[in-house]
Amino acid sequence: MALNTRLDHRNPLVFDTHELGRRPGALQRSTRTIDAPKDLGIQDVIGVPEGAPLELELRLESVMEGVLVTGTARASAKGECVRCLEPLEQQLEADFQEMFSYPDADDRGRPKAEPVDDAEEDEDRLFIEDGLFDLEPVLRDAVVLALPMQPVCQDDCPGLCSECGARLADDPDHHHDAVDIRWAALQGLAGSLEDGEKDDMSGAEAGVDEKQEK
């Protein structure tokens, strides 16, 4: 990953490591409650609503090559049950750990003799820029991994009736009489015959009434 540039210290997901220093073994703990950023979760499935309270607990440890960040994010996620399509809400707890590297040190923490342009080596690395690091990409990955891909309102949710769409949890005895497709055509024919007989009977009764009137 390319180096972060112009990180804004006012961004609630940007953290300052100046107080931690670069002495290996130094520790710093931080807690912060922020407004959840937009699109935090699995799109159109479940996620933390934008602006909802998001609690962060972080442990920052200085190591030779950078700062090791270990933390937990807690929030309330909202979505829709994949079985009955009813709204649902569940508590989210996402753990994460990530190394943020010093841009001026190699993998063993020693200052680089000269800049090396190695895009492939840096592609998956996160960096500290001017003593700041951006937690947002790590947070997003952790939240997605912690959320269910197919959320349900309850483990035994029976879902919806495949024939009429009724919510089966509201009516456990809900059912439809099964009709053998082999007899369906005959039932339709029988219905047509019954309608024809009724029409004939109606016509006959009308004729009788006319004779009686004469």
N, C-alpha and C. Protein backbone atom coordinates (compact mmCIF):
# COMPACT_ATOMS: atom_id res chain seq x y z
N MET A 1 0.85 -1.20 0.00
CA MET A 1 0.00 0.00 0.00
C MET A 1 0.88 1.24 0.00
N ALA A 2 0.50 2.27 -0.74
CA ALA A 2 1.29 3.48 -0.80
C ALA A 2 1.21 4.21 0.53
N LEU A 3 2.19 5.05 0.79
CA LEU A 3 2.22 5.78 2.04
C LEU A 3 1.02 6.70 2.15
N ASN A 4 0.50 6.79 3.40
CA ASN A 4 -0.57 7.75 3.64
C ASN A 4 0.00 9.16 3.43
N THR A 5 -0.79 10.05 2.89
CA THR A 5 -0.33 11.42 2.70
C THR A 5 -1.35 12.38 3.28
N ARG A 6 -0.82 13.39 3.96
CA ARG A 6 -1.66 14.46 4.49
C ARG A 6 -2.78 13.93 5.35
N LEU A 7 -2.46 13.08 6.29
CA LEU A 7 -3.48 12.60 7.21
C LEU A 7 -3.93 13.75 8.10
N ASP A 8 -5.23 13.81 8.36
CA ASP A 8 -5.81 14.87 9.16
C ASP A 8 -5.96 14.39 10.60
N HIS A 9 -5.25 15.01 11.53
CA HIS A 9 -5.30 14.57 12.92
C HIS A 9 -6.68 14.79 13.53
N ARG A 10 -7.52 15.58 12.86
CA ARG A 10 -8.88 15.81 13.37
C ARG A 10 -9.83 14.66 13.00
N ASN A 11 -9.40 13.83 12.08
CA ASN A 11 -10.20 12.66 11.71
C ASN A 11 -10.22 11.69 12.90
N PRO A 12 -11.39 11.28 13.37
CA PRO A 12 -11.46 10.43 14.57
C PRO A 12 -10.82 9.06 14.40
N LEU A 13 -10.55 8.64 13.15
CA LEU A 13 -9.91 7.36 12.92
C LEU A 13 -8.41 7.49 12.62
N VAL A 14 -7.90 8.69 12.79
CA VAL A 14 -6.47 8.92 12.67
C VAL A 14 -5.88 9.07 14.08
N PHE A 15 -4.82 8.30 14.36
CA PHE A 15 -4.22 8.28 15.70
C PHE A 15 -2.78 8.79 15.65
N ASP A 16 -2.39 9.44 16.74
CA ASP A 16 -1.07 10.06 16.85
C ASP A 16 -0.16 9.17 17.69
N THR A 17 1.03 8.90 17.20
CA THR A 17 1.98 8.03 17.92
C THR A 17 3.15 8.81 18.51
N HIS A 18 3.11 10.14 18.46
CA HIS A 18 4.24 10.92 18.94
C HIS A 18 4.52 10.66 20.43
N GLU A 19 3.46 10.59 21.24
CA GLU A 19 3.65 10.35 22.67
C GLU A 19 4.19 8.95 22.95
N LEU A 20 3.86 8.00 22.09
CA LEU A 20 4.35 6.64 22.26
C LEU A 20 5.87 6.58 22.07
N GLY A 21 6.36 7.33 21.10
CA GLY A 21 7.79 7.31 20.81
C GLY A 21 8.19 6.08 20.02
N ARG A 22 9.49 5.98 19.75
CA ARG A 22 9.99 4.88 18.94
C ARG A 22 10.88 3.93 19.73
N ARG A 23 10.79 3.98 21.03
CA ARG A 23 11.57 3.05 21.85
C ARG A 23 10.85 1.71 21.88
N PRO A 24 11.47 0.64 21.38
CA PRO A 24 10.81 -0.67 21.36
C PRO A 24 10.35 -1.09 22.75
N GLY A 25 9.12 -1.58 22.82
CA GLY A 25 8.56 -2.02 24.09
C GLY A 25 7.64 -1.00 24.73
N ALA A 26 7.67 0.23 24.28
CA ALA A 26 6.78 1.25 24.85
C ALA A 26 5.33 0.92 24.51
N LEU A 27 4.44 1.15 25.47
CA LEU A 27 3.03 0.81 25.30
C LEU A 27 2.16 2.04 25.53
N GLN A 28 1.05 2.06 24.86
CA GLN A 28 0.07 3.12 25.06
C GLN A 28 -1.32 2.54 24.80
N ARG A 29 -2.26 2.84 25.69
CA ARG A 29 -3.64 2.38 25.51
C ARG A 29 -4.53 3.58 25.22
N SER A 30 -5.53 3.33 24.40
CA SER A 30 -6.41 4.42 23.99
C SER A 30 -7.83 3.91 23.82
N THR A 31 -8.78 4.68 24.29
CA THR A 31 -10.20 4.38 24.06
C THR A 31 -10.83 5.60 23.41
N ARG A 32 -11.73 5.34 22.49
CA ARG A 32 -12.35 6.44 21.77
C ARG A 32 -13.71 5.99 21.26
N THR A 33 -14.72 6.83 21.45
CA THR A 33 -16.04 6.57 20.88
C THR A 33 -16.28 7.59 19.78
N ILE A 34 -16.56 7.08 18.60
CA ILE A 34 -16.72 7.95 17.43
C ILE A 34 -18.04 7.66 16.73
N ASP A 35 -18.37 8.50 15.78
CA ASP A 35 -19.53 8.24 14.91
C ASP A 35 -19.07 7.31 13.78
N ALA A 36 -19.81 6.25 13.57
CA ALA A 36 -19.43 5.28 12.55
C ALA A 36 -19.38 5.93 11.18
N PRO A 37 -18.35 5.61 10.39
CA PRO A 37 -18.27 6.15 9.03
C PRO A 37 -19.31 5.51 8.12
N LYS A 38 -19.46 6.05 6.95
CA LYS A 38 -20.43 5.56 5.98
C LYS A 38 -20.03 4.19 5.45
N ASP A 39 -21.03 3.36 5.17
CA ASP A 39 -20.83 2.05 4.53
C ASP A 39 -19.89 1.16 5.34
N LEU A 40 -20.11 1.08 6.63
CA LEU A 40 -19.30 0.23 7.49
C LEU A 40 -20.01 -1.11 7.68
N GLY A 41 -19.66 -2.08 6.88
CA GLY A 41 -20.29 -3.39 6.98
C GLY A 41 -20.39 -4.04 5.62
N ILE A 42 -21.37 -4.93 5.49
CA ILE A 42 -21.59 -5.66 4.24
C ILE A 42 -22.75 -4.99 3.51
N GLN A 43 -22.48 -4.41 2.38
CA GLN A 43 -23.47 -3.61 1.67
C GLN A 43 -24.74 -4.39 1.39
N ASP A 44 -25.88 -3.75 1.69
CA ASP A 44 -27.22 -4.30 1.45
C ASP A 44 -27.51 -5.57 2.26
N VAL A 45 -26.67 -5.88 3.24
CA VAL A 45 -26.91 -7.07 4.07
C VAL A 45 -27.00 -6.68 5.54
N ILE A 46 -25.91 -6.21 6.11
CA ILE A 46 -25.89 -5.80 7.51
C ILE A 46 -24.67 -4.91 7.73
N GLY A 47 -24.81 -3.95 8.63
CA GLY A 47 -23.71 -3.05 8.90
C GLY A 47 -24.04 -2.09 10.02
N VAL A 48 -23.05 -1.30 10.40
CA VAL A 48 -23.23 -0.28 11.43
C VAL A 48 -23.74 0.98 10.75
N PRO A 49 -24.89 1.48 11.14
CA PRO A 49 -25.44 2.68 10.49
C PRO A 49 -24.49 3.87 10.61
N GLU A 50 -24.44 4.66 9.57
CA GLU A 50 -23.59 5.85 9.58
C GLU A 50 -23.99 6.76 10.74
N GLY A 51 -23.01 7.19 11.50
CA GLY A 51 -23.25 8.08 12.63
C GLY A 51 -23.57 7.39 13.94
N ALA A 52 -23.74 6.06 13.92
CA ALA A 52 -24.02 5.32 15.15
C ALA A 52 -22.77 5.28 16.03
N PRO A 53 -22.92 5.21 17.35
CA PRO A 53 -21.76 5.17 18.24
C PRO A 53 -20.90 3.93 17.98
N LEU A 54 -19.61 4.14 17.86
CA LEU A 54 -18.65 3.06 17.63
C LEU A 54 -17.54 3.20 18.66
N GLU A 55 -17.43 2.21 19.52
CA GLU A 55 -16.44 2.26 20.60
C GLU A 55 -15.17 1.53 20.18
N LEU A 56 -14.04 2.19 20.35
CA LEU A 56 -12.74 1.63 20.00
C LEU A 56 -11.87 1.52 21.24
N GLU A 57 -11.25 0.35 21.42
CA GLU A 57 -10.25 0.14 22.45
C GLU A 57 -8.96 -0.30 21.77
N LEU A 58 -7.89 0.46 21.95
CA LEU A 58 -6.65 0.19 21.24
C LEU A 58 -5.48 0.02 22.20
N ARG A 59 -4.56 -0.82 21.77
CA ARG A 59 -3.28 -1.01 22.47
C ARG A 59 -2.19 -0.80 21.44
N LEU A 60 -1.38 0.23 21.64
CA LEU A 60 -0.31 0.57 20.72
C LEU A 60 1.02 0.15 21.34
N GLU A 61 1.77 -0.64 20.60
CA GLU A 61 3.08 -1.12 21.08
C GLU A 61 4.16 -0.75 20.08
N SER A 62 5.17 -0.07 20.57
CA SER A 62 6.28 0.32 19.71
C SER A 62 7.22 -0.86 19.52
N VAL A 63 7.52 -1.17 18.27
CA VAL A 63 8.46 -2.24 17.94
C VAL A 63 9.51 -1.65 16.99
N MET A 64 10.49 -2.47 16.63
CA MET A 64 11.60 -1.97 15.84
C MET A 64 11.14 -1.36 14.51
N GLU A 65 10.21 -2.07 13.82
CA GLU A 65 9.85 -1.64 12.48
C GLU A 65 8.65 -0.70 12.42
N GLY A 66 7.98 -0.49 13.56
CA GLY A 66 6.82 0.40 13.53
C GLY A 66 6.01 0.32 14.82
N VAL A 67 4.69 0.40 14.66
CA VAL A 67 3.77 0.35 15.79
C VAL A 67 2.78 -0.79 15.55
N LEU A 68 2.71 -1.70 16.50
CA LEU A 68 1.76 -2.81 16.43
C LEU A 68 0.48 -2.37 17.13
N VAL A 69 -0.61 -2.34 16.39
CA VAL A 69 -1.89 -1.88 16.92
C VAL A 69 -2.82 -3.08 17.10
N THR A 70 -3.26 -3.29 18.33
CA THR A 70 -4.21 -4.35 18.66
C THR A 70 -5.46 -3.69 19.24
N GLY A 71 -6.62 -4.10 18.79
CA GLY A 71 -7.80 -3.42 19.28
C GLY A 71 -9.09 -4.18 19.10
N THR A 72 -10.15 -3.58 19.61
CA THR A 72 -11.50 -4.12 19.51
C THR A 72 -12.47 -2.99 19.19
N ALA A 73 -13.37 -3.24 18.28
CA ALA A 73 -14.42 -2.27 17.94
C ALA A 73 -15.77 -2.86 18.35
N ARG A 74 -16.59 -2.04 19.00
CA ARG A 74 -17.92 -2.49 19.43
C ARG A 74 -18.98 -1.50 18.95
N ALA A 75 -20.07 -2.05 18.46
CA ALA A 75 -21.17 -1.21 17.96
C ALA A 75 -22.41 -2.07 17.80
N SER A 76 -23.49 -1.42 17.44
CA SER A 76 -24.74 -2.13 17.16
C SER A 76 -24.95 -2.14 15.65
N ALA A 77 -25.05 -3.33 15.09
CA ALA A 77 -25.22 -3.47 13.63
C ALA A 77 -26.69 -3.75 13.32
N LYS A 78 -27.14 -3.24 12.19
CA LYS A 78 -28.52 -3.44 11.76
C LYS A 78 -28.55 -4.02 10.35
N GLY A 79 -29.58 -4.84 10.13
CA GLY A 79 -29.71 -5.45 8.81
C GLY A 79 -31.09 -6.05 8.64
N GLU A 80 -31.15 -7.09 7.82
CA GLU A 80 -32.42 -7.75 7.50
C GLU A 80 -32.21 -9.26 7.51
N CYS A 81 -33.13 -9.96 8.14
CA CYS A 81 -33.06 -11.41 8.20
C CYS A 81 -33.18 -11.98 6.79
N VAL A 82 -32.27 -12.87 6.42
CA VAL A 82 -32.29 -13.42 5.07
C VAL A 82 -33.42 -14.44 4.88
N ARG A 83 -34.03 -14.86 5.97
CA ARG A 83 -35.10 -15.86 5.87
C ARG A 83 -36.49 -15.23 5.86
N CYS A 84 -36.75 -14.34 6.81
CA CYS A 84 -38.10 -13.76 6.90
C CYS A 84 -38.14 -12.29 6.48
N LEU A 85 -36.98 -11.71 6.18
CA LEU A 85 -36.86 -10.34 5.69
C LEU A 85 -37.25 -9.29 6.71
N GLU A 86 -37.34 -9.67 7.98
CA GLU A 86 -37.65 -8.72 9.03
C GLU A 86 -36.38 -7.99 9.47
N PRO A 87 -36.51 -6.71 9.89
CA PRO A 87 -35.33 -5.98 10.38
C PRO A 87 -34.74 -6.68 11.61
N LEU A 88 -33.43 -6.60 11.76
CA LEU A 88 -32.77 -7.20 12.92
C LEU A 88 -31.65 -6.28 13.39
N GLU A 89 -31.27 -6.48 14.62
CA GLU A 89 -30.18 -5.71 15.22
C GLU A 89 -29.36 -6.65 16.09
N GLN A 90 -28.05 -6.55 16.01
CA GLN A 90 -27.19 -7.39 16.82
C GLN A 90 -25.94 -6.63 17.22
N GLN A 91 -25.37 -7.04 18.34
CA GLN A 91 -24.17 -6.39 18.84
C GLN A 91 -22.94 -6.90 18.10
N LEU A 92 -22.13 -5.98 17.68
CA LEU A 92 -20.91 -6.29 16.94
C LEU A 92 -19.69 -6.12 17.84
N GLU A 93 -18.78 -7.09 17.79
CA GLU A 93 -17.49 -6.99 18.46
C GLU A 93 -16.44 -7.52 17.49
N ALA A 94 -15.61 -6.63 16.99
CA ALA A 94 -14.62 -7.00 15.99
C ALA A 94 -13.22 -6.77 16.53
N ASP A 95 -12.41 -7.83 16.56
CA ASP A 95 -11.02 -7.73 17.02
C ASP A 95 -10.10 -7.60 15.81
N PHE A 96 -9.00 -6.89 16.01
CA PHE A 96 -8.06 -6.72 14.91
C PHE A 96 -6.65 -6.49 15.46
N GLN A 97 -5.68 -6.74 14.62
CA GLN A 97 -4.28 -6.47 14.94
C GLN A 97 -3.57 -6.15 13.63
N GLU A 98 -2.82 -5.06 13.63
CA GLU A 98 -2.16 -4.63 12.40
C GLU A 98 -0.85 -3.92 12.73
N MET A 99 0.14 -4.13 11.87
CA MET A 99 1.42 -3.45 11.99
C MET A 99 1.43 -2.23 11.08
N PHE A 100 1.73 -1.08 11.65
CA PHE A 100 1.93 0.15 10.88
C PHE A 100 3.42 0.43 10.88
N SER A 101 4.00 0.38 9.70
CA SER A 101 5.46 0.45 9.58
C SER A 101 5.95 1.89 9.47
N TYR A 102 7.18 2.09 9.97
CA TYR A 102 7.85 3.36 9.74
C TYR A 102 8.34 3.38 8.29
N PRO A 103 8.06 4.43 7.56
CA PRO A 103 8.47 4.45 6.14
C PRO A 103 9.97 4.53 5.95
N ASP A 104 10.72 4.91 7.00
CA ASP A 104 12.16 5.06 6.85
C ASP A 104 12.94 3.90 7.44
N ALA A 105 12.26 2.76 7.69
CA ALA A 105 12.95 1.60 8.27
C ALA A 105 12.67 0.37 7.44
N ASP A 106 13.61 -0.59 7.44
CA ASP A 106 13.40 -1.84 6.72
C ASP A 106 12.67 -2.82 7.63
N ASP A 107 12.53 -4.07 7.19
CA ASP A 107 11.76 -5.06 7.95
C ASP A 107 12.34 -5.34 9.32
N ARG A 108 13.62 -5.06 9.54
CA ARG A 108 14.24 -5.31 10.83
C ARG A 108 14.39 -4.03 11.66
N GLY A 109 13.71 -2.97 11.19
CA GLY A 109 13.69 -1.75 11.96
C GLY A 109 14.89 -0.86 11.77
N ARG A 110 15.81 -1.24 10.92
CA ARG A 110 17.01 -0.43 10.70
C ARG A 110 16.73 0.63 9.65
N PRO A 111 17.30 1.81 9.80
CA PRO A 111 17.08 2.86 8.79
C PRO A 111 17.54 2.38 7.41
N LYS A 112 16.75 2.70 6.41
CA LYS A 112 17.10 2.31 5.05
C LYS A 112 18.29 3.15 4.57
N ALA A 113 19.22 2.49 3.92
CA ALA A 113 20.40 3.20 3.41
C ALA A 113 19.99 4.21 2.35
N GLU A 114 19.01 3.84 1.53
CA GLU A 114 18.53 4.74 0.48
C GLU A 114 17.13 4.32 0.11
N PRO A 115 16.33 5.23 -0.41
CA PRO A 115 14.95 4.89 -0.77
C PRO A 115 14.91 3.78 -1.81
N VAL A 116 13.98 2.88 -1.62
CA VAL A 116 13.80 1.77 -2.57
C VAL A 116 12.37 1.81 -3.08
N ASP A 117 12.23 1.86 -4.38
CA ASP A 117 10.91 1.91 -4.99
C ASP A 117 10.46 0.49 -5.30
N ASP A 118 9.79 -0.13 -4.35
CA ASP A 118 9.34 -1.52 -4.52
C ASP A 118 7.84 -1.56 -4.27
N ALA A 119 7.06 -1.36 -5.33
CA ALA A 119 5.60 -1.28 -5.19
C ALA A 119 5.01 -2.59 -4.70
N GLU A 120 5.55 -3.72 -5.16
CA GLU A 120 5.00 -5.02 -4.76
C GLU A 120 5.23 -5.25 -3.27
N GLU A 121 6.39 -4.86 -2.76
CA GLU A 121 6.69 -5.08 -1.35
C GLU A 121 5.80 -4.24 -0.45
N ASP A 122 5.48 -3.02 -0.89
CA ASP A 122 4.70 -2.09 -0.07
C ASP A 122 3.19 -2.23 -0.26
N GLU A 123 2.77 -3.06 -1.21
CA GLU A 123 1.35 -3.11 -1.58
C GLU A 123 0.45 -3.46 -0.40
N ASP A 124 0.84 -4.40 0.44
CA ASP A 124 -0.01 -4.87 1.52
C ASP A 124 0.40 -4.29 2.88
N ARG A 125 1.28 -3.31 2.88
CA ARG A 125 1.74 -2.73 4.13
C ARG A 125 1.05 -1.41 4.41
N LEU A 126 0.86 -1.13 5.70
CA LEU A 126 0.32 0.14 6.14
C LEU A 126 1.44 0.91 6.83
N PHE A 127 1.43 2.21 6.65
CA PHE A 127 2.54 3.01 7.12
C PHE A 127 2.10 4.12 8.08
N ILE A 128 3.05 4.53 8.89
CA ILE A 128 2.90 5.72 9.73
C ILE A 128 3.43 6.90 8.94
N GLU A 129 2.69 7.97 8.89
CA GLU A 129 3.10 9.16 8.15
C GLU A 129 3.10 10.36 9.08
N ASP A 130 4.27 10.90 9.30
CA ASP A 130 4.42 12.05 10.20
C ASP A 130 3.88 11.74 11.59
N GLY A 131 4.09 10.52 12.04
CA GLY A 131 3.66 10.13 13.38
C GLY A 131 2.20 9.76 13.48
N LEU A 132 1.48 9.76 12.36
CA LEU A 132 0.04 9.46 12.36
C LEU A 132 -0.24 8.18 11.58
N PHE A 133 -1.30 7.48 11.97
CA PHE A 133 -1.76 6.35 11.17
C PHE A 133 -3.27 6.37 11.08
N ASP A 134 -3.78 5.85 9.98
CA ASP A 134 -5.22 5.83 9.70
C ASP A 134 -5.75 4.42 9.95
N LEU A 135 -6.65 4.31 10.92
CA LEU A 135 -7.18 2.99 11.30
C LEU A 135 -8.33 2.54 10.41
N GLU A 136 -8.89 3.41 9.59
CA GLU A 136 -10.12 3.08 8.87
C GLU A 136 -10.04 1.82 8.01
N PRO A 137 -9.01 1.62 7.18
CA PRO A 137 -8.99 0.40 6.37
C PRO A 137 -8.94 -0.87 7.21
N VAL A 138 -8.22 -0.83 8.32
CA VAL A 138 -8.15 -2.00 9.22
C VAL A 138 -9.51 -2.24 9.86
N LEU A 139 -10.16 -1.17 10.29
CA LEU A 139 -11.47 -1.28 10.93
C LEU A 139 -12.49 -1.86 9.97
N ARG A 140 -12.50 -1.40 8.75
CA ARG A 140 -13.47 -1.90 7.77
C ARG A 140 -13.29 -3.40 7.53
N ASP A 141 -12.06 -3.83 7.36
CA ASP A 141 -11.81 -5.26 7.15
C ASP A 141 -12.26 -6.09 8.35
N ALA A 142 -11.98 -5.59 9.55
CA ALA A 142 -12.34 -6.33 10.77
C ALA A 142 -13.85 -6.44 10.93
N VAL A 143 -14.56 -5.37 10.64
CA VAL A 143 -16.02 -5.38 10.78
C VAL A 143 -16.65 -6.35 9.79
N VAL A 144 -16.19 -6.34 8.55
CA VAL A 144 -16.75 -7.25 7.54
C VAL A 144 -16.54 -8.71 7.96
N LEU A 145 -15.36 -9.01 8.50
CA LEU A 145 -15.07 -10.38 8.92
C LEU A 145 -15.90 -10.79 10.13
N ALA A 146 -16.26 -9.82 10.98
CA ALA A 146 -17.00 -10.14 12.21
C ALA A 146 -18.50 -10.27 11.97
N LEU A 147 -19.01 -9.73 10.88
CA LEU A 147 -20.44 -9.76 10.61
C LEU A 147 -20.83 -11.02 9.85
N PRO A 148 -22.05 -11.53 10.08
CA PRO A 148 -22.51 -12.72 9.34
C PRO A 148 -22.87 -12.37 7.90
N MET A 149 -22.49 -13.25 6.98
CA MET A 149 -22.82 -13.03 5.58
C MET A 149 -24.31 -13.24 5.33
N GLN A 150 -24.95 -14.10 6.16
CA GLN A 150 -26.38 -14.36 6.04
C GLN A 150 -27.02 -14.21 7.42
N PRO A 151 -27.29 -12.98 7.83
CA PRO A 151 -27.84 -12.74 9.17
C PRO A 151 -29.27 -13.26 9.30
N VAL A 152 -29.59 -13.79 10.47
CA VAL A 152 -30.95 -14.27 10.75
C VAL A 152 -31.41 -13.66 12.07
N CYS A 153 -32.72 -13.44 12.18
CA CYS A 153 -33.28 -12.84 13.39
C CYS A 153 -33.18 -13.79 14.57
N GLN A 154 -33.22 -15.08 14.29
CA GLN A 154 -33.00 -16.12 15.30
C GLN A 154 -32.55 -17.39 14.58
N ASP A 155 -31.80 -18.21 15.28
CA ASP A 155 -31.20 -19.38 14.63
C ASP A 155 -32.22 -20.31 14.00
N ASP A 156 -33.40 -20.42 14.62
CA ASP A 156 -34.41 -21.35 14.10
C ASP A 156 -35.52 -20.63 13.33
N CYS A 157 -35.22 -19.46 12.78
CA CYS A 157 -36.23 -18.72 12.02
C CYS A 157 -36.74 -19.59 10.86
N PRO A 158 -38.06 -19.85 10.77
CA PRO A 158 -38.57 -20.72 9.70
C PRO A 158 -38.71 -20.02 8.36
N GLY A 159 -38.58 -18.69 8.35
CA GLY A 159 -38.64 -17.96 7.08
C GLY A 159 -40.06 -17.67 6.62
N LEU A 160 -40.23 -17.62 5.31
CA LEU A 160 -41.52 -17.28 4.69
C LEU A 160 -42.09 -18.48 3.94
N CYS A 161 -43.41 -18.51 3.84
CA CYS A 161 -44.07 -19.56 3.06
C CYS A 161 -43.70 -19.38 1.59
N SER A 162 -43.27 -20.45 0.98
CA SER A 162 -42.83 -20.38 -0.42
C SER A 162 -44.00 -20.17 -1.38
N GLU A 163 -45.22 -20.39 -0.91
CA GLU A 163 -46.38 -20.26 -1.80
C GLU A 163 -47.05 -18.90 -1.69
N CYS A 164 -47.19 -18.40 -0.45
CA CYS A 164 -47.93 -17.15 -0.29
C CYS A 164 -47.10 -16.04 0.35
N GLY A 165 -45.92 -16.37 0.86
CA GLY A 165 -45.06 -15.36 1.46
C GLY A 165 -45.38 -15.01 2.89
N ALA A 166 -46.24 -15.76 3.54
CA ALA A 166 -46.58 -15.47 4.94
C ALA A 166 -45.39 -15.78 5.84
N ARG A 167 -45.24 -15.01 6.90
CA ARG A 167 -44.16 -15.23 7.86
C ARG A 167 -44.53 -16.41 8.76
N LEU A 168 -43.79 -17.49 8.64
CA LEU A 168 -44.16 -18.73 9.31
C LEU A 168 -44.02 -18.65 10.82
N ALA A 169 -43.16 -17.77 11.34
CA ALA A 169 -43.01 -17.64 12.78
C ALA A 169 -44.29 -17.09 13.43
N ASP A 170 -45.08 -16.35 12.65
CA ASP A 170 -46.33 -15.78 13.18
C ASP A 170 -47.45 -16.81 13.19
N ASP A 171 -47.33 -17.84 12.39
CA ASP A 171 -48.38 -18.87 12.30
C ASP A 171 -47.72 -20.23 12.10
N PRO A 172 -47.31 -20.87 13.21
CA PRO A 172 -46.62 -22.16 13.12
C PRO A 172 -47.41 -23.24 12.41
N ASP A 173 -48.76 -23.14 12.42
CA ASP A 173 -49.61 -24.17 11.80
C ASP A 173 -49.94 -23.83 10.34
N HIS A 174 -49.32 -22.79 9.83
CA HIS A 174 -49.62 -22.37 8.45
C HIS A 174 -49.23 -23.48 7.46
N HIS A 175 -50.16 -23.77 6.53
CA HIS A 175 -49.86 -24.77 5.51
C HIS A 175 -50.84 -24.62 4.35
N HIS A 176 -50.52 -25.27 3.26
CA HIS A 176 -51.40 -25.30 2.11
C HIS A 176 -51.65 -26.76 1.74
N ASP A 177 -52.91 -27.09 1.40
CA ASP A 177 -53.22 -28.46 0.99
C ASP A 177 -52.51 -28.77 -0.31
N ALA A 178 -51.74 -29.84 -0.28
CA ALA A 178 -50.98 -30.22 -1.46
C ALA A 178 -51.91 -30.86 -2.49
N VAL A 179 -51.73 -30.47 -3.73
CA VAL A 179 -52.53 -31.02 -4.83
C VAL A 179 -51.59 -31.73 -5.79
N ASP A 180 -51.88 -33.00 -6.05
CA ASP A 180 -51.07 -33.76 -7.01
C ASP A 180 -51.27 -33.17 -8.40
N ILE A 181 -50.18 -32.77 -9.03
CA ILE A 181 -50.30 -32.13 -10.34
C ILE A 181 -50.95 -33.05 -11.37
N ARG A 182 -50.90 -34.38 -11.13
CA ARG A 182 -51.52 -35.30 -12.08
C ARG A 182 -53.03 -35.20 -12.07
N TRP A 183 -53.60 -34.72 -10.95
CA TRP A 183 -55.05 -34.61 -10.85
C TRP A 183 -55.53 -33.17 -11.06
N ALA A 184 -54.58 -32.24 -11.16
CA ALA A 184 -54.96 -30.83 -11.26
C ALA A 184 -55.84 -30.58 -12.48
N ALA A 185 -55.48 -31.18 -13.64
CA ALA A 185 -56.27 -30.97 -14.86
C ALA A 185 -57.67 -31.55 -14.71
N LEU A 186 -57.75 -32.71 -14.07
CA LEU A 186 -59.08 -33.33 -13.88
C LEU A 186 -59.93 -32.50 -12.95
N GLN A 187 -59.29 -31.90 -11.92
CA GLN A 187 -60.05 -31.06 -11.02
C GLN A 187 -60.61 -29.85 -11.76
N GLY A 188 -59.77 -29.30 -12.67
CA GLY A 188 -60.24 -28.16 -13.45
C GLY A 188 -61.40 -28.56 -14.35
N LEU A 189 -61.31 -29.77 -14.95
CA LEU A 189 -62.38 -30.26 -15.82
C LEU A 189 -63.65 -30.49 -15.02
N ALA A 190 -63.47 -31.05 -13.82
CA ALA A 190 -64.64 -31.30 -12.98
C ALA A 190 -65.32 -29.99 -12.63
N GLY A 191 -64.51 -28.96 -12.35
CA GLY A 191 -65.09 -27.67 -12.03
C GLY A 191 -65.87 -27.11 -13.20
N SER A 192 -65.34 -27.30 -14.43
CA SER A 192 -66.02 -26.80 -15.60
C SER A 192 -67.35 -27.51 -15.80
N LEU A 193 -67.36 -28.84 -15.58
CA LEU A 193 -68.59 -29.61 -15.72
C LEU A 193 -69.64 -29.17 -14.71
N GLU A 194 -69.17 -28.92 -13.50
CA GLU A 194 -70.12 -28.47 -12.47
C GLU A 194 -70.72 -27.14 -12.83
N ASP A 195 -69.91 -26.25 -13.37
CA ASP A 195 -70.44 -24.95 -13.79
C ASP A 195 -71.44 -25.12 -14.93
N GLY A 196 -71.13 -26.06 -15.86
CA GLY A 196 -72.05 -26.30 -16.98
C GLY A 196 -73.37 -26.86 -16.51
N GLU A 197 -73.31 -27.78 -15.54
CA GLU A 197 -74.53 -28.36 -15.00
C GLU A 197 -75.38 -27.30 -14.31
N LYS A 198 -74.69 -26.40 -13.60
CA LYS A 198 -75.44 -25.34 -12.93
C LYS A 198 -76.14 -24.45 -13.95
N ASP A 199 -75.44 -24.16 -15.06
CA ASP A 199 -76.06 -23.33 -16.09
C ASP A 199 -77.25 -24.02 -16.71
N ASP A 200 -77.13 -25.36 -16.94
CA ASP A 200 -78.24 -26.11 -17.52
C ASP A 200 -79.43 -26.11 -16.58
N MET A 201 -79.13 -26.30 -15.28
CA MET A 201 -80.21 -26.32 -14.31
C MET A 201 -80.89 -24.97 -14.23
N SER A 202 -80.13 -23.92 -14.33
CA SER A 202 -80.70 -22.58 -14.28
C SER A 202 -81.60 -22.36 -15.49
N GLY A 203 -81.15 -22.86 -16.67
CA GLY A 203 -81.95 -22.71 -17.88
C GLY A 203 -83.24 -23.49 -17.79
N ALA A 204 -83.14 -24.71 -17.22
CA ALA A 204 -84.34 -25.53 -17.09
C ALA A 204 -85.32 -24.89 -16.14
N GLU A 205 -84.84 -24.37 -15.03
CA GLU A 205 -85.74 -23.73 -14.07
C GLU A 205 -86.40 -22.52 -14.68
N ALA A 206 -85.67 -21.81 -15.52
CA ALA A 206 -86.27 -20.63 -16.18
C ALA A 206 -87.37 -21.05 -17.12
N GLY A 207 -87.19 -22.21 -17.84
CA GLY A 207 -88.23 -22.70 -18.75
C GLY A 207 -89.46 -23.11 -18.00
N VAL A 208 -89.30 -23.76 -16.86
CA VAL A 208 -90.45 -24.18 -16.05
C VAL A 208 -91.22 -22.97 -15.60
N ASP A 209 -90.52 -21.94 -15.19
CA ASP A 209 -91.18 -20.76 -14.70
C ASP A 209 -91.98 -20.09 -15.81
N GLU A 210 -91.47 -20.10 -17.04
CA GLU A 210 -92.16 -19.49 -18.16
C GLU A 210 -93.44 -20.27 -18.44
N LYS A 211 -93.40 -21.63 -18.39
CA LYS A 211 -94.60 -22.44 -18.65
C LYS A 211 -95.65 -22.16 -17.58
N GLN A 212 -95.22 -22.04 -16.34
CA GLN A 212 -96.17 -21.80 -15.27
C GLN A 212 -96.84 -20.44 -15.45
N GLU A 213 -96.11 -19.48 -15.95
CA GLU A 213 -96.69 -18.15 -16.16
C GLU A 213 -97.75 -18.19 -17.26
N LYS A 214 -97.53 -19.04 -18.33
CA LYS A 214 -98.50 -19.14 -19.40
C LYS A 214 -99.75 -19.83 -18.91
